[in-house]
Amino acid sequence: MARPRWMKKRHDEALEAYEAAQARYTQGRTKLLDWIETKREIKAQAKQNFTNTDYAFKLYNQAHPDRQMTPPKEPKFSDFYQPSEKQTQGELLFVGGGAFALAYAAFCFL
């Protein structure tokens, strides 16, 4: 028994809609993957630029020992904040207590 003509038309329209949606999805996914790859390349180039800059400073200092150039010092959090002795002791106690509790649990249950 052949399908009625209206069922075939509905099927064909649904198939066309699916194919169009699949094409939009593929195009959007490709654009996203291209964007991710472009950002990765930009980050890699930025990292290489920093490496090249450090190397340029080194070469300049070798070529001109009388005029030493040093790149600026990278700031560290420890330059701005020193934890108190009480806080340091509390952290050590917390870590030590956690390690002891883990050892005890392992001893009892394993």
Protein backbone atom coordinates (compact mmCIF):
# COMPACT_ATOMS: atom_id res chain seq x y z
CA MET A 1 0.00 0.00 0.00
CA ALA A 2 1.42 3.32 -1.05
CA ARG A 3 1.50 6.26 1.30
CA PRO A 4 -0.86 9.12 0.59
CA ARG A 5 0.61 12.09 -1.15
CA TRP A 6 0.06 14.43 1.87
CA MET A 7 2.15 12.11 4.10
CA LYS A 8 5.04 12.17 1.66
CA LYS A 9 4.84 15.95 1.47
CA ARG A 10 4.91 16.23 5.28
CA HIS A 11 7.85 13.84 5.42
CA ASP A 12 9.74 15.80 2.78
CA GLU A 13 9.10 19.11 4.57
CA ALA A 14 10.27 17.66 7.88
CA LEU A 15 13.39 16.27 6.21
CA GLU A 16 14.17 19.65 4.63
CA ALA A 17 13.69 21.41 7.98
CA TYR A 18 15.98 18.86 9.64
CA GLU A 19 18.67 19.28 7.00
CA ALA A 20 18.49 23.08 7.31
CA ALA A 21 18.80 22.85 11.11
CA GLN A 22 21.71 20.43 10.75
CA ALA A 23 23.44 22.82 8.34
CA ARG A 24 22.96 25.75 10.78
CA TYR A 25 24.31 23.61 13.62
CA THR A 26 27.36 22.55 11.62
CA GLN A 27 28.05 26.13 10.55
CA GLY A 28 27.71 27.43 14.13
CA ARG A 29 29.92 24.66 15.50
CA THR A 30 32.57 25.34 12.87
CA LYS A 31 32.51 29.06 13.71
CA LEU A 32 32.88 28.26 17.41
CA LEU A 33 35.79 25.88 16.82
CA ASP A 34 37.48 28.45 14.57
CA TRP A 35 37.03 31.12 17.27
CA ILE A 36 38.52 28.82 19.93
CA GLU A 37 41.50 28.02 17.71
CA THR A 38 42.05 31.72 16.94
CA LYS A 39 42.06 32.56 20.66
CA ARG A 40 44.50 29.70 21.33
CA GLU A 41 46.82 31.00 18.62
CA ILE A 42 46.63 34.54 20.05
CA LYS A 43 47.55 33.26 23.52
CA ALA A 44 50.42 31.22 22.13
CA GLN A 45 51.72 34.27 20.24
CA ALA A 46 51.45 36.43 23.37
CA LYS A 47 53.45 33.87 25.34
CA GLN A 48 56.07 33.76 22.58
CA ASN A 49 56.26 37.57 22.59
CA PHE A 50 57.06 37.54 26.31
CA THR A 51 59.73 34.89 25.76
CA ASN A 52 61.22 36.92 22.90
CA THR A 53 61.22 40.07 25.04
CA ASP A 54 63.09 38.32 27.86
CA TYR A 55 65.59 36.98 25.33
CA ALA A 56 66.02 40.46 23.82
CA PHE A 57 66.83 41.86 27.29
CA LYS A 58 69.41 39.10 27.76
CA LEU A 59 71.04 39.79 24.38
CA TYR A 60 71.08 43.56 25.01
CA ASN A 61 72.75 43.04 28.38
CA GLN A 62 75.38 40.82 26.76
CA ALA A 63 76.04 43.37 24.01
CA HIS A 64 76.06 46.38 26.37
CA PRO A 65 77.51 45.31 29.72
CA ASP A 66 77.99 48.96 30.73
CA ARG A 67 74.24 49.69 30.41
CA GLN A 68 72.44 46.77 32.02
CA MET A 69 68.70 46.70 31.37
CA THR A 70 66.49 44.63 33.61
CA PRO A 71 62.83 44.00 33.05
CA PRO A 72 60.55 45.24 35.81
CA LYS A 73 60.08 42.88 38.73
CA GLU A 74 56.84 40.95 38.62
CA PRO A 75 54.68 41.80 41.63
CA LYS A 76 53.91 38.98 44.03
CA PHE A 77 51.12 38.79 46.55
CA SER A 78 53.68 38.21 49.31
CA ASP A 79 55.07 41.70 48.60
CA PHE A 80 51.78 43.17 49.81
CA TYR A 81 50.54 40.73 52.46
CA GLN A 82 52.24 38.73 55.21
CA PRO A 83 50.02 36.34 57.19
CA SER A 84 50.12 36.65 60.95
CA GLU A 85 51.85 34.04 63.08
CA LYS A 86 48.46 32.98 64.49
CA GLN A 87 47.07 32.42 61.00
CA THR A 88 50.12 30.41 59.95
CA GLN A 89 49.85 28.21 63.05
CA GLY A 90 46.11 27.72 62.41
CA GLU A 91 46.75 26.63 58.82
CA LEU A 92 49.42 24.16 59.93
CA LEU A 93 47.09 22.77 62.61
CA PHE A 94 44.27 22.42 60.07
CA VAL A 95 46.45 20.60 57.54
CA GLY A 96 48.04 18.39 60.20
CA GLY A 97 44.65 17.54 61.72
CA GLY A 98 43.25 16.71 58.29
CA ALA A 99 46.19 14.44 57.53
CA PHE A 100 45.80 12.72 60.91
CA ALA A 101 42.05 12.22 60.36
CA LEU A 102 42.66 10.78 56.90
CA ALA A 103 45.30 8.39 58.23
CA TYR A 104 42.98 7.31 61.05
CA ALA A 105 40.09 6.74 58.63
CA ALA A 106 42.31 4.75 56.29
CA PHE A 107 43.60 2.64 59.18
CA CYS A 108 40.12 1.89 60.50
CA PHE A 109 38.26 1.27 57.26
CA LEU A 110 40.84 -0.23 54.93
